[in-house]
Protein backbone atom coordinates (compact mmCIF):
# COMPACT_ATOMS: atom_id res chain seq x y z
CA MET A 1 86.91 62.30 110.88
CA ASP A 2 84.37 64.81 112.00
CA ARG A 3 81.83 65.27 109.20
CA ARG A 4 79.81 68.40 108.82
CA ASN A 5 76.93 69.43 106.55
CA ASN A 6 77.03 73.10 107.34
CA THR A 7 79.12 75.55 105.41
CA HIS A 8 80.52 77.46 108.44
CA VAL A 9 82.45 75.54 110.96
CA SER A 10 83.13 76.87 114.49
CA ASP A 11 86.40 74.97 114.84
CA PHE A 12 89.04 72.88 113.17
CA ILE A 13 91.03 69.84 114.15
CA LEU A 14 94.82 70.03 113.57
CA MET A 15 95.94 66.34 112.92
CA GLY A 16 99.59 67.24 113.60
CA LEU A 17 102.72 65.48 112.27
CA THR A 18 101.97 61.96 113.51
CA GLU A 19 99.47 59.92 115.35
CA SER A 20 102.06 57.90 117.27
CA GLU A 21 102.16 58.92 121.03
CA GLU A 22 105.83 57.93 121.39
CA ILE A 23 106.80 60.05 118.30
CA GLN A 24 104.69 62.89 119.62
CA LEU A 25 106.61 62.84 122.93
CA VAL A 26 109.89 62.91 121.14
CA LEU A 27 108.74 65.75 118.92
CA PHE A 28 107.51 67.71 121.94
CA ILE A 29 110.91 67.51 123.65
CA ILE A 30 112.78 68.48 120.39
CA PHE A 31 110.38 71.42 119.51
CA LEU A 32 110.43 72.68 123.08
CA ILE A 33 114.15 72.77 123.04
CA ILE A 34 114.30 74.52 119.76
CA TYR A 35 111.53 77.08 120.84
CA LEU A 36 113.40 77.93 124.12
CA ILE A 37 116.64 78.41 122.08
CA SER A 38 114.76 80.57 119.76
CA VAL A 39 113.18 82.73 122.46
CA LEU A 40 116.54 83.10 124.32
CA GLY A 41 118.50 83.77 121.10
CA ASN A 42 116.29 86.34 119.65
CA THR A 43 115.52 88.05 122.91
CA GLY A 44 119.19 88.11 123.63
CA MET A 45 120.01 89.53 120.21
CA ILE A 46 117.43 92.32 120.70
CA LEU A 47 118.76 93.18 124.07
CA ILE A 48 122.48 93.13 123.01
CA ILE A 49 121.81 95.44 120.03
CA HIS A 50 119.66 97.81 122.20
CA LEU A 51 122.24 98.00 125.14
CA ASP A 52 125.39 98.32 123.17
CA LEU A 53 125.87 101.76 121.55
CA GLN A 54 128.37 100.55 119.00
CA LEU A 55 125.80 98.29 117.39
CA HIS A 56 123.44 101.27 116.79
CA THR A 57 123.99 101.04 113.11
CA PRO A 58 121.59 100.36 110.17
CA MET A 59 122.76 96.81 109.81
CA TYR A 60 122.07 95.93 113.38
CA PHE A 61 118.77 98.16 113.32
CA PHE A 62 117.53 95.68 110.68
CA LEU A 63 118.94 92.66 112.62
CA ARG A 64 117.03 93.67 115.70
CA HIS A 65 113.77 93.79 113.70
CA LEU A 66 114.62 90.32 112.18
CA SER A 67 115.05 88.93 115.70
CA PHE A 68 111.71 90.44 116.64
CA LEU A 69 109.98 88.89 113.58
CA ASP A 70 111.61 85.55 114.28
CA LEU A 71 110.49 85.71 117.90
CA THR A 72 106.87 86.65 117.11
CA TYR A 73 106.78 84.21 114.13
CA SER A 74 107.92 81.22 116.24
CA THR A 75 105.51 82.20 118.98
CA ALA A 76 102.56 82.30 116.65
CA ILE A 77 103.11 78.65 115.65
CA THR A 78 105.09 76.71 118.22
CA PRO A 79 103.15 76.98 121.57
CA LYS A 80 99.93 75.64 119.92
CA THR A 81 102.04 72.86 118.24
CA LEU A 82 103.51 71.89 121.56
CA HIS A 83 99.99 71.89 123.16
CA ASN A 84 98.66 69.67 120.58
CA LEU A 85 101.55 67.19 120.82
CA LEU A 86 100.60 66.57 124.50
CA THR A 87 96.79 66.52 124.26
CA SER A 88 94.34 64.14 122.55
CA THR A 89 92.01 66.95 121.73
CA LYS A 90 93.54 68.97 118.92
CA HIS A 91 90.66 71.48 118.34
CA ILE A 92 91.39 75.12 117.37
CA SER A 93 88.55 77.59 116.87
CA SER A 94 88.07 79.11 113.46
CA ILE A 95 88.85 82.58 114.85
CA SER A 96 92.09 81.30 116.29
CA CYS A 97 92.98 79.39 113.14
CA PHE A 98 92.62 82.44 110.86
CA THR A 99 94.32 84.60 113.53
CA GLN A 100 97.33 82.22 113.34
CA MET A 101 97.20 82.18 109.60
CA TYR A 102 97.08 86.02 109.62
CA PHE A 103 100.25 86.31 111.76
CA PHE A 104 101.96 83.54 109.72
CA VAL A 105 101.45 85.34 106.41
CA PHE A 106 102.05 88.81 107.92
CA LEU A 107 105.33 87.96 109.55
CA GLY A 108 106.55 85.75 106.67
CA VAL A 109 106.07 88.54 104.10
CA ALA A 110 107.47 91.25 106.33
CA GLU A 111 110.63 89.05 106.87
CA CYS A 112 111.04 88.70 103.00
CA PHE A 113 111.13 92.40 102.50
CA LEU A 114 113.28 92.82 105.67
CA LEU A 115 115.84 90.50 104.27
CA SER A 116 115.79 92.45 100.97
CA SER A 117 116.33 95.70 102.95
CA MET A 118 119.34 94.15 104.65
CA ALA A 119 120.71 93.14 101.26
CA TYR A 120 120.43 96.73 100.05
CA ASP A 121 122.16 97.93 103.18
CA ARG A 122 125.11 95.63 102.35
CA TYR A 123 125.07 96.81 98.81
CA VAL A 124 125.35 100.53 99.88
CA ALA A 125 128.01 99.69 102.48
CA ILE A 126 130.21 97.81 100.09
CA CYS A 127 129.62 99.55 96.81
CA ASN A 128 129.00 103.17 98.05
CA PRO A 129 130.84 103.35 101.39
CA LEU A 130 131.40 107.18 101.32
CA HIS A 131 127.73 107.81 100.77
CA TYR A 132 126.62 105.11 103.37
CA PRO A 133 125.80 107.44 106.36
CA VAL A 134 123.90 109.81 104.05
CA VAL A 135 121.95 107.05 102.12
CA MET A 136 121.18 104.77 105.05
CA SER A 137 119.87 107.56 107.28
CA LYS A 138 117.76 106.78 110.23
CA ARG A 139 114.64 108.12 108.39
CA PHE A 140 115.29 105.87 105.39
CA CYS A 141 115.92 102.80 107.50
CA CYS A 142 112.64 103.51 109.40
CA SER A 143 110.89 103.78 106.07
CA LEU A 144 112.16 100.55 104.85
CA ILE A 145 111.02 98.88 108.13
CA PHE A 146 107.59 100.44 107.89
CA GLY A 147 107.23 99.29 104.27
CA SER A 148 108.16 95.77 105.21
CA TYR A 149 105.45 95.60 107.90
CA PHE A 150 102.82 97.46 105.83
CA ILE A 151 103.28 95.07 102.73
CA GLY A 152 103.15 92.09 105.17
CA PHE A 153 99.96 93.43 106.78
CA THR A 154 98.31 94.12 103.36
CA ASN A 155 99.24 90.71 102.08
CA SER A 156 97.94 89.06 105.11
CA VAL A 157 94.67 90.83 105.31
CA ILE A 158 93.87 90.03 101.68
CA ASN A 159 94.88 86.36 102.23
CA VAL A 160 92.67 85.88 105.33
CA LEU A 161 89.76 87.66 103.96
CA PHE A 162 89.62 85.37 100.88
CA MET A 163 90.25 82.17 102.96
CA SER A 164 87.58 83.10 105.53
CA ARG A 165 84.90 83.31 102.84
CA LEU A 166 85.39 79.68 101.83
CA ASP A 167 82.77 77.04 102.71
CA PHE A 168 83.60 73.96 104.59
CA CYS A 169 80.84 71.41 104.24
CA ASP A 170 82.55 67.90 104.36
CA SER A 171 85.26 67.94 107.05
CA ASN A 172 86.95 70.24 109.56
CA VAL A 173 90.06 68.09 109.85
CA ILE A 174 93.36 69.91 108.78
CA HIS A 175 96.07 67.55 107.91
CA HIS A 176 98.90 69.90 109.28
CA PHE A 177 100.23 71.03 112.58
CA PHE A 178 99.16 74.63 112.04
CA CYS A 179 96.60 76.65 110.01
CA ASP A 180 98.35 76.88 106.64
CA THR A 181 96.69 77.88 103.43
CA SER A 182 97.09 74.63 101.36
CA PRO A 183 95.60 72.18 103.89
CA ILE A 184 92.61 74.57 104.52
CA LEU A 185 92.06 74.95 100.81
CA ASP A 186 91.72 71.12 100.64
CA LEU A 187 88.90 71.22 103.04
CA SER A 188 86.64 73.62 101.03
CA CYS A 189 83.67 72.25 99.12
CA THR A 190 83.53 75.21 96.81
CA ASP A 191 85.59 76.28 93.81
CA THR A 192 88.85 77.59 95.24
CA ARG A 193 90.60 78.52 91.89
CA SER A 194 90.14 82.31 92.35
CA VAL A 195 91.53 82.08 95.96
CA GLU A 196 94.44 80.00 94.74
CA ILE A 197 95.23 82.52 92.01
CA MET A 198 95.00 85.36 94.48
CA ILE A 199 97.30 83.65 96.93
CA PHE A 200 99.77 82.61 94.27
CA ILE A 201 99.96 86.30 92.94
CA CYS A 202 100.34 87.76 96.36
CA ALA A 203 102.84 85.28 97.71
CA GLY A 204 104.65 84.95 94.42
CA SER A 205 104.97 88.75 93.93
CA ALA A 206 106.21 89.26 97.48
CA LEU A 207 108.89 86.50 97.09
CA MET A 208 109.94 87.55 93.63
CA VAL A 209 110.21 91.30 94.32
CA SER A 210 112.19 90.60 97.46
CA LEU A 211 114.30 87.95 95.84
CA VAL A 212 115.13 90.11 92.79
CA THR A 213 116.13 92.91 95.13
CA ILE A 214 118.48 90.68 97.07
CA SER A 215 119.92 89.03 93.81
CA VAL A 216 120.57 92.50 92.11
CA SER A 217 122.12 93.88 95.35
CA TYR A 218 124.47 90.86 95.60
CA LEU A 219 125.30 91.01 91.91
CA PHE A 220 126.58 94.60 92.38
CA ILE A 221 128.37 93.49 95.51
CA LEU A 222 130.15 90.57 93.80
CA THR A 223 131.11 92.97 90.87
CA THR A 224 132.68 95.49 93.39
CA VAL A 225 134.38 92.79 95.49
CA LEU A 226 135.95 91.20 92.35
CA LYS A 227 137.60 94.60 91.65
CA ILE A 228 139.34 94.69 95.04
CA THR A 229 142.87 93.75 94.61
CA SER A 230 143.89 92.73 98.12
CA THR A 231 142.80 89.23 99.45
CA SER A 232 142.22 90.64 102.91
CA GLY A 233 139.86 93.30 101.46
CA LYS A 234 137.88 90.56 99.52
CA GLN A 235 137.62 88.46 102.68
CA LYS A 236 136.47 91.33 104.74
CA ALA A 237 133.67 92.21 102.19
CA PHE A 238 132.49 88.64 101.91
CA SER A 239 132.52 88.20 105.56
CA THR A 240 130.09 91.08 106.08
CA CYS A 241 127.61 89.28 103.78
CA ALA A 242 128.11 85.68 104.63
CA SER A 243 125.71 85.47 107.53
CA HIS A 244 122.95 87.34 105.55
CA LEU A 245 123.49 85.17 102.50
CA LEU A 246 123.22 82.02 104.62
CA GLY A 247 119.86 83.10 106.28
CA VAL A 248 118.48 84.17 102.90
CA THR A 249 119.42 80.85 101.29
CA ILE A 250 117.75 78.85 104.09
CA PHE A 251 114.55 81.03 104.27
CA TYR A 252 113.87 81.37 100.69
CA GLY A 253 114.83 77.75 99.82
CA THR A 254 112.27 76.28 102.09
CA THR A 255 109.59 78.86 101.32
CA ILE A 256 109.94 78.58 97.42
CA PHE A 257 109.89 74.76 97.80
CA THR A 258 106.65 74.94 99.78
CA TYR A 259 104.57 77.66 98.18
CA LEU A 260 105.63 78.52 94.64
CA LYS A 261 104.22 75.41 93.08
CA PRO A 262 100.65 74.20 92.19
CA ARG A 263 98.46 73.05 95.12
CA LYS A 264 97.89 69.66 93.40
CA SER A 265 101.65 68.92 93.94
CA TYR A 266 101.22 69.38 97.70
CA THR A 267 102.58 66.35 99.43
CA LEU A 268 101.85 65.89 103.10
CA GLY A 269 105.22 64.44 104.26
CA LYS A 270 107.64 66.62 102.33
CA ASP A 271 105.70 69.92 102.81
CA GLN A 272 105.24 69.32 106.55
CA VAL A 273 108.89 68.76 107.08
CA ALA A 274 109.66 71.97 105.11
CA SER A 275 106.99 73.69 107.23
CA VAL A 276 108.70 72.55 110.40
CA PHE A 277 111.88 73.95 109.11
CA TYR A 278 110.80 77.49 108.31
CA THR A 279 108.25 77.96 111.20
CA ILE A 280 110.15 76.33 114.08
CA VAL A 281 113.81 75.75 113.11
CA ILE A 282 114.75 78.90 111.12
CA PRO A 283 113.74 81.28 113.91
CA MET A 284 116.22 79.42 116.11
CA LEU A 285 118.97 79.40 113.40
CA ASN A 286 118.89 83.09 112.62
CA PRO A 287 120.29 84.45 115.95
CA LEU A 288 122.94 81.64 115.84
CA ILE A 289 123.92 82.54 112.42
CA TYR A 290 124.24 86.29 113.05
CA SER A 291 125.92 85.90 116.38
CA LEU A 292 128.30 82.99 116.06
CA ARG A 293 129.63 84.36 112.76
CA ASN A 294 129.75 88.04 113.76
CA LYS A 295 132.73 89.39 115.71
CA GLU A 296 130.95 92.63 116.52
CA VAL A 297 128.07 90.86 118.30
CA LYS A 298 130.63 88.70 120.23
CA ASN A 299 132.53 91.78 121.23
CA ALA A 300 129.36 93.57 122.22
CA LEU A 301 128.48 90.57 124.49
CA LYS A 302 131.84 90.70 125.99
CA ARG A 303 131.59 94.43 126.69
CA LEU A 304 128.16 93.94 128.40
CA MET A 305 129.50 91.11 130.48
CA GLN A 306 132.41 93.26 131.46
CA LYS A 307 130.20 96.20 132.40
CA ARG A 308 128.13 93.89 134.51
CA GLU A 309 131.15 92.61 136.23
CA ASP A 310 132.55 96.02 136.84
CA SER A 311 129.25 97.16 138.39
CA ARG A 312 129.32 94.22 140.71
CA GLN A 313 132.78 95.08 141.92
CA LEU A 314 131.80 98.58 142.59
CA LYS A 315 128.90 97.37 144.78
């Protein structure tokens, strides 16, 4: 361990997930494959939605931003993790560390409110279909997106400002694979209770507000669907929500497990596994969930492939 007596460190050491070189190599290969699938999947989703005019609807407008968030979210964490798995020196400058933390919080909070916006979109589509084009106008959709990014930005700035003021006088070794809040709080030699309360309030309020919005939206959706008499009508209504519900369950499940609990209950193994899931795995899963379970995306891909084939034949 690198011991320091000063209160301001110039860099940190990310210990990663394991010290075994053999396991590190295996993890590098797995994480690299996951990251490549994530980049290809999310980039592909963005391009398909952009190029196919039939997907220029509010639902796919939100889905395109979700893919953008997942792509950026994964890129903020995974490349540095891959680099550290292959090198013996695992240093990260304090500026880079807090920058990584900033994007991690910013994108995570923005995704919470984007998922709640998507739930509201499904609520309007199923419960008020006649008013859907008026309610979910382009201006309103852009306002929801702006609000999601703005809340994420504000939350992240507050978080990083408080964290950057902490004093680190004993160690600069972070027992994690990226600059997360809990492991860095453990390094501080000053009283961190006020910072912990602030983080809990910000993270908790963001999670709860977005989660309540999603829960209320789906409560109304469920009430409306149960009133539908035909089985095919119920199946169609549920199918439009299935992908979003699955994505929400995975995202919120791991996030709540990790963050909405006292810091003293932080356990290195379990929390690191959960962190791997929502920082590396979920950005890969989302494009698969929303494409493999979505006929419109599949049909859009077929149309684009057909157009490409027709253009080749004309040449």
